[in-house]
Amino acid sequence: MLNQLAPDFSLLDQQARALTLDQVMGERGLVLFFFSTSWLPADLALLKAFNQAYPTLQAAGLGVMGISGINWETIHHLAAKLDCRFPLGFDPCCRVSKRYDTMLIPKFVTGKAIYGINPQGRIILARKQAQPDEVLAAFKLSE
């Protein structure tokens, strides 16, 4: 999927707002990541890492959005519990995740789970795992 246009979407976030790819795109791009549960340590670590790094990513001009197929009520409660600073999208039937070659199967994510998308909508990073600093470095290298 590298260098391809990122598939567009419209998903409800934890505040029941319908958000599209363009609406969550930052001035310099978007970090989009997929997670499968609200309770697995790896998923919680991913959410916490991006939540902690959000001010740095935002200062770099990047939008951030997490996407999951778990039900909307769980996403709403998870976002409140973590004091999440960026949108978490509810992906019913995992339609968006499939378009990103990611499958959200209970207990794990298959395929790529973290994407960097430039302002022109092209995917510049597609990885199974990446920490926020690695994602930020990928955006700096693509300049």
Foldseek 3Di string as FASTA:
>chain_A
DAQDFQDWDWFQWLVRHTDILLRQFFPWWEKEFEDQDLDDPVRVVQQLQCQVCVVVCVVVRYGYEYEYQDDSVSRNVSCVVSVRPHTYGHQHVCPSCVSVVWDRDPPDIDFWGIWIAGPVRGTQDTHNDDGPVRNVVSSVVVD
